[in-house]
Amino acid sequence: MSYIEELQDVIRKLHGVESKHVESIRVKEVFQDKTVWEGVVEVFDLIGHPKTHRAYVWAHDGERPKESSVAVLHIGPITSAAAAVRAALIQEFRSLGTEEN
């Protein structure tokens, strides 16, 4: 199974729809002059999703997609691969903060 097929399997399991790969986008997220994330986000068109037509998906920390991946839907302020990465990083940061308290 290819990397793209594995990500499509993740989409199927998380969101219950089929998908079509559209493109790969390199994203670099910088905060206070430091790179906090850099990688490739795969863009998929979703087939039959009730709320959106697109998802941004990548394997977390370079791991295999089935083991650890991120899938962000194209909804609301999330309108690009970069915005999806930013939202995922913010969510991760917030969840780390709550674990420490």
N, C-alpha and C. Protein backbone atom coordinates (compact mmCIF):
# COMPACT_ATOMS: atom_id res chain seq x y z
N MET A 1 0.85 -1.18 0.00
CA MET A 1 0.00 0.00 0.00
C MET A 1 0.90 1.25 0.00
N SER A 2 0.62 2.18 -0.88
CA SER A 2 1.43 3.40 -0.98
C SER A 2 1.09 4.37 0.16
N TYR A 3 1.94 5.36 0.33
CA TYR A 3 1.72 6.39 1.35
C TYR A 3 0.38 7.09 1.14
N ILE A 4 0.07 7.46 -0.10
CA ILE A 4 -1.20 8.14 -0.41
C ILE A 4 -2.37 7.22 -0.10
N GLU A 5 -2.27 5.95 -0.45
CA GLU A 5 -3.33 5.00 -0.15
C GLU A 5 -3.53 4.83 1.36
N GLU A 6 -2.44 4.85 2.10
CA GLU A 6 -2.55 4.77 3.56
C GLU A 6 -3.27 5.99 4.11
N LEU A 7 -2.96 7.16 3.58
CA LEU A 7 -3.65 8.37 4.03
C LEU A 7 -5.13 8.32 3.66
N GLN A 8 -5.44 7.78 2.49
CA GLN A 8 -6.84 7.63 2.09
C GLN A 8 -7.57 6.68 3.04
N ASP A 9 -6.87 5.66 3.50
CA ASP A 9 -7.44 4.73 4.47
C ASP A 9 -7.73 5.45 5.79
N VAL A 10 -6.83 6.33 6.20
CA VAL A 10 -7.03 7.13 7.41
C VAL A 10 -8.28 8.00 7.25
N ILE A 11 -8.43 8.65 6.10
CA ILE A 11 -9.61 9.49 5.84
C ILE A 11 -10.87 8.64 5.91
N ARG A 12 -10.84 7.48 5.31
CA ARG A 12 -11.99 6.57 5.31
C ARG A 12 -12.38 6.20 6.74
N LYS A 13 -11.38 5.88 7.57
CA LYS A 13 -11.66 5.47 8.95
C LYS A 13 -12.12 6.64 9.82
N LEU A 14 -11.52 7.81 9.64
CA LEU A 14 -11.88 8.97 10.47
C LEU A 14 -13.18 9.64 10.04
N HIS A 15 -13.39 9.72 8.73
CA HIS A 15 -14.51 10.53 8.23
C HIS A 15 -15.55 9.75 7.43
N GLY A 16 -15.30 8.47 7.19
CA GLY A 16 -16.28 7.62 6.54
C GLY A 16 -16.55 7.91 5.08
N VAL A 17 -15.60 8.53 4.39
CA VAL A 17 -15.79 8.84 2.97
C VAL A 17 -14.55 8.45 2.16
N GLU A 18 -14.77 8.29 0.88
CA GLU A 18 -13.67 8.05 -0.05
C GLU A 18 -13.05 9.40 -0.40
N SER A 19 -11.86 9.34 -0.98
CA SER A 19 -11.16 10.59 -1.32
C SER A 19 -10.32 10.41 -2.58
N LYS A 20 -9.97 11.55 -3.15
CA LYS A 20 -9.10 11.58 -4.33
C LYS A 20 -7.94 12.53 -4.05
N HIS A 21 -6.72 12.06 -4.24
CA HIS A 21 -5.55 12.90 -4.00
C HIS A 21 -5.48 14.00 -5.04
N VAL A 22 -5.28 15.24 -4.58
CA VAL A 22 -5.24 16.40 -5.46
C VAL A 22 -3.81 16.89 -5.67
N GLU A 23 -3.08 17.10 -4.57
CA GLU A 23 -1.72 17.62 -4.68
C GLU A 23 -0.98 17.48 -3.36
N SER A 24 0.33 17.67 -3.44
CA SER A 24 1.22 17.68 -2.27
C SER A 24 1.75 19.09 -2.13
N ILE A 25 1.67 19.63 -0.92
CA ILE A 25 2.11 21.01 -0.67
C ILE A 25 3.13 21.03 0.46
N ARG A 26 4.28 21.61 0.19
CA ARG A 26 5.30 21.77 1.23
C ARG A 26 4.91 22.96 2.11
N VAL A 27 4.93 22.72 3.43
CA VAL A 27 4.55 23.76 4.39
C VAL A 27 5.67 23.90 5.42
N LYS A 28 5.98 25.15 5.74
CA LYS A 28 6.94 25.45 6.80
C LYS A 28 6.27 26.44 7.73
N GLU A 29 6.11 26.06 8.98
CA GLU A 29 5.47 26.92 9.97
C GLU A 29 6.54 27.45 10.92
N VAL A 30 6.63 28.77 11.00
CA VAL A 30 7.64 29.44 11.82
C VAL A 30 6.95 30.22 12.92
N PHE A 31 7.50 30.13 14.14
CA PHE A 31 6.99 30.89 15.28
C PHE A 31 8.18 31.49 16.00
N GLN A 32 8.16 32.78 16.19
CA GLN A 32 9.24 33.51 16.85
C GLN A 32 10.60 33.16 16.22
N ASP A 33 10.65 33.25 14.91
CA ASP A 33 11.86 33.01 14.11
C ASP A 33 12.40 31.58 14.19
N LYS A 34 11.60 30.63 14.68
CA LYS A 34 12.04 29.24 14.74
C LYS A 34 11.05 28.37 13.97
N THR A 35 11.58 27.42 13.22
CA THR A 35 10.73 26.49 12.49
C THR A 35 10.15 25.51 13.50
N VAL A 36 8.82 25.48 13.59
CA VAL A 36 8.15 24.57 14.53
C VAL A 36 7.60 23.34 13.82
N TRP A 37 7.42 23.43 12.52
CA TRP A 37 7.00 22.27 11.73
C TRP A 37 7.35 22.51 10.28
N GLU A 38 7.86 21.47 9.63
CA GLU A 38 8.15 21.55 8.21
C GLU A 38 7.90 20.18 7.60
N GLY A 39 7.14 20.15 6.52
CA GLY A 39 6.86 18.87 5.88
C GLY A 39 5.92 19.05 4.70
N VAL A 40 5.40 17.92 4.24
CA VAL A 40 4.51 17.91 3.09
C VAL A 40 3.11 17.53 3.55
N VAL A 41 2.15 18.35 3.16
CA VAL A 41 0.75 18.10 3.45
C VAL A 41 0.10 17.60 2.17
N GLU A 42 -0.63 16.49 2.28
CA GLU A 42 -1.33 15.94 1.13
C GLU A 42 -2.76 16.49 1.13
N VAL A 43 -3.20 16.95 -0.02
CA VAL A 43 -4.53 17.54 -0.17
C VAL A 43 -5.42 16.52 -0.88
N PHE A 44 -6.59 16.28 -0.30
CA PHE A 44 -7.54 15.32 -0.86
C PHE A 44 -8.89 15.97 -1.05
N ASP A 45 -9.54 15.64 -2.17
CA ASP A 45 -10.95 15.97 -2.34
C ASP A 45 -11.74 14.83 -1.70
N LEU A 46 -12.76 15.19 -0.93
CA LEU A 46 -13.59 14.19 -0.26
C LEU A 46 -14.83 13.91 -1.11
N ILE A 47 -15.22 12.68 -1.16
CA ILE A 47 -16.37 12.26 -1.96
C ILE A 47 -17.54 11.96 -1.02
N GLY A 48 -18.53 12.85 -1.03
CA GLY A 48 -19.73 12.62 -0.25
C GLY A 48 -19.69 13.05 1.21
N HIS A 49 -18.70 13.84 1.60
CA HIS A 49 -18.68 14.33 2.98
C HIS A 49 -19.79 15.36 3.16
N PRO A 50 -20.54 15.30 4.26
CA PRO A 50 -21.69 16.21 4.43
C PRO A 50 -21.34 17.67 4.70
N LYS A 51 -20.09 17.96 5.12
CA LYS A 51 -19.76 19.34 5.52
C LYS A 51 -18.70 20.02 4.67
N THR A 52 -17.89 19.24 3.96
CA THR A 52 -16.80 19.86 3.20
C THR A 52 -16.38 18.98 2.02
N HIS A 53 -15.62 19.57 1.14
CA HIS A 53 -15.16 18.86 -0.05
C HIS A 53 -13.68 18.51 0.00
N ARG A 54 -12.98 18.94 1.05
CA ARG A 54 -11.52 18.81 1.05
C ARG A 54 -10.98 18.49 2.44
N ALA A 55 -9.82 17.80 2.45
CA ALA A 55 -9.10 17.52 3.69
C ALA A 55 -7.61 17.67 3.45
N TYR A 56 -6.90 18.04 4.52
CA TYR A 56 -5.44 18.18 4.50
C TYR A 56 -4.90 17.13 5.46
N VAL A 57 -4.00 16.27 4.97
CA VAL A 57 -3.59 15.10 5.75
C VAL A 57 -2.08 14.91 5.66
N TRP A 58 -1.48 14.50 6.79
CA TRP A 58 -0.05 14.18 6.80
C TRP A 58 0.23 13.22 7.94
N ALA A 59 1.33 12.48 7.79
CA ALA A 59 1.77 11.58 8.86
C ALA A 59 2.52 12.41 9.89
N HIS A 60 2.19 12.20 11.14
CA HIS A 60 2.78 12.98 12.23
C HIS A 60 4.21 12.53 12.49
N ASP A 61 5.11 13.47 12.55
CA ASP A 61 6.52 13.21 12.85
C ASP A 61 7.17 12.17 11.95
N GLY A 62 6.72 12.11 10.70
CA GLY A 62 7.32 11.20 9.74
C GLY A 62 7.01 9.73 9.95
N GLU A 63 6.07 9.42 10.82
CA GLU A 63 5.71 8.03 11.07
C GLU A 63 4.79 7.51 9.98
N ARG A 64 4.50 6.24 10.02
CA ARG A 64 3.57 5.65 9.07
C ARG A 64 2.17 6.20 9.35
N PRO A 65 1.40 6.50 8.33
CA PRO A 65 0.08 7.12 8.50
C PRO A 65 -0.87 6.36 9.42
N LYS A 66 -0.86 5.04 9.36
CA LYS A 66 -1.80 4.29 10.18
C LYS A 66 -1.44 4.37 11.66
N GLU A 67 -0.18 4.67 11.97
CA GLU A 67 0.26 4.76 13.35
C GLU A 67 0.02 6.14 13.95
N SER A 68 0.23 7.16 13.16
CA SER A 68 0.06 8.51 13.67
C SER A 68 -0.07 9.49 12.52
N SER A 69 -1.27 10.02 12.35
CA SER A 69 -1.47 10.98 11.26
C SER A 69 -2.41 12.08 11.72
N VAL A 70 -2.41 13.15 10.94
CA VAL A 70 -3.25 14.31 11.21
C VAL A 70 -4.12 14.53 9.98
N ALA A 71 -5.42 14.70 10.21
CA ALA A 71 -6.35 14.98 9.12
C ALA A 71 -7.21 16.16 9.53
N VAL A 72 -7.10 17.26 8.80
CA VAL A 72 -7.83 18.48 9.11
C VAL A 72 -8.77 18.79 7.96
N LEU A 73 -10.03 19.00 8.30
CA LEU A 73 -11.03 19.29 7.28
C LEU A 73 -10.99 20.75 6.85
N HIS A 74 -11.33 21.00 5.61
CA HIS A 74 -11.41 22.34 5.02
C HIS A 74 -12.76 22.95 5.44
N ILE A 75 -12.80 23.49 6.65
CA ILE A 75 -14.03 24.08 7.20
C ILE A 75 -13.65 25.36 7.94
N GLY A 76 -14.49 26.39 7.80
CA GLY A 76 -14.29 27.64 8.54
C GLY A 76 -13.00 28.32 8.16
N PRO A 77 -12.18 28.62 9.17
CA PRO A 77 -10.95 29.35 8.86
C PRO A 77 -9.88 28.47 8.21
N ILE A 78 -10.10 27.16 8.16
CA ILE A 78 -9.12 26.26 7.55
C ILE A 78 -9.39 26.20 6.05
N THR A 79 -8.63 26.98 5.29
CA THR A 79 -8.84 27.06 3.84
C THR A 79 -7.57 26.78 3.05
N SER A 80 -6.54 26.27 3.72
CA SER A 80 -5.28 25.96 3.03
C SER A 80 -4.50 24.94 3.84
N ALA A 81 -3.50 24.36 3.20
CA ALA A 81 -2.63 23.41 3.89
C ALA A 81 -1.91 24.09 5.06
N ALA A 82 -1.44 25.31 4.85
CA ALA A 82 -0.74 26.03 5.92
C ALA A 82 -1.65 26.31 7.10
N ALA A 83 -2.89 26.68 6.84
CA ALA A 83 -3.85 26.92 7.92
C ALA A 83 -4.16 25.63 8.67
N ALA A 84 -4.19 24.50 7.96
CA ALA A 84 -4.43 23.21 8.61
C ALA A 84 -3.29 22.85 9.55
N VAL A 85 -2.06 23.06 9.10
CA VAL A 85 -0.90 22.79 9.96
C VAL A 85 -0.93 23.69 11.18
N ARG A 86 -1.19 24.97 10.97
CA ARG A 86 -1.25 25.92 12.08
C ARG A 86 -2.30 25.50 13.11
N ALA A 87 -3.48 25.11 12.65
CA ALA A 87 -4.56 24.69 13.55
C ALA A 87 -4.17 23.44 14.32
N ALA A 88 -3.53 22.49 13.65
CA ALA A 88 -3.10 21.26 14.32
C ALA A 88 -2.04 21.56 15.38
N LEU A 89 -1.11 22.45 15.06
CA LEU A 89 -0.07 22.82 16.03
C LEU A 89 -0.67 23.51 17.25
N ILE A 90 -1.63 24.39 17.02
CA ILE A 90 -2.29 25.09 18.13
C ILE A 90 -3.03 24.09 19.01
N GLN A 91 -3.73 23.15 18.38
CA GLN A 91 -4.45 22.13 19.14
C GLN A 91 -3.50 21.27 19.96
N GLU A 92 -2.38 20.88 19.35
CA GLU A 92 -1.38 20.08 20.05
C GLU A 92 -0.80 20.86 21.24
N PHE A 93 -0.50 22.13 21.03
CA PHE A 93 0.03 22.97 22.10
C PHE A 93 -0.97 23.08 23.25
N ARG A 94 -2.25 23.31 22.91
CA ARG A 94 -3.28 23.41 23.95
C ARG A 94 -3.44 22.11 24.72
N SER A 95 -3.40 20.98 24.04
CA SER A 95 -3.56 19.71 24.73
C SER A 95 -2.37 19.41 25.63
N LEU A 96 -1.18 19.83 25.23
CA LEU A 96 -0.01 19.68 26.10
C LEU A 96 -0.15 20.53 27.34
N GLY A 97 -0.70 21.71 27.20
CA GLY A 97 -0.90 22.60 28.34
C GLY A 97 -1.88 22.04 29.35
N THR A 98 -2.93 21.37 28.89
CA THR A 98 -3.91 20.81 29.82
C THR A 98 -3.38 19.57 30.51
N GLU A 99 -2.47 18.83 29.89
CA GLU A 99 -1.91 17.65 30.51
C GLU A 99 -1.01 18.02 31.69
N GLU A 100 -0.38 19.18 31.62
CA GLU A 100 0.54 19.58 32.69
C GLU A 100 -0.20 20.09 33.92
N ASN A 101 -1.43 20.53 33.76
CA ASN A 101 -2.17 21.10 34.89
C ASN A 101 -2.83 20.04 35.72
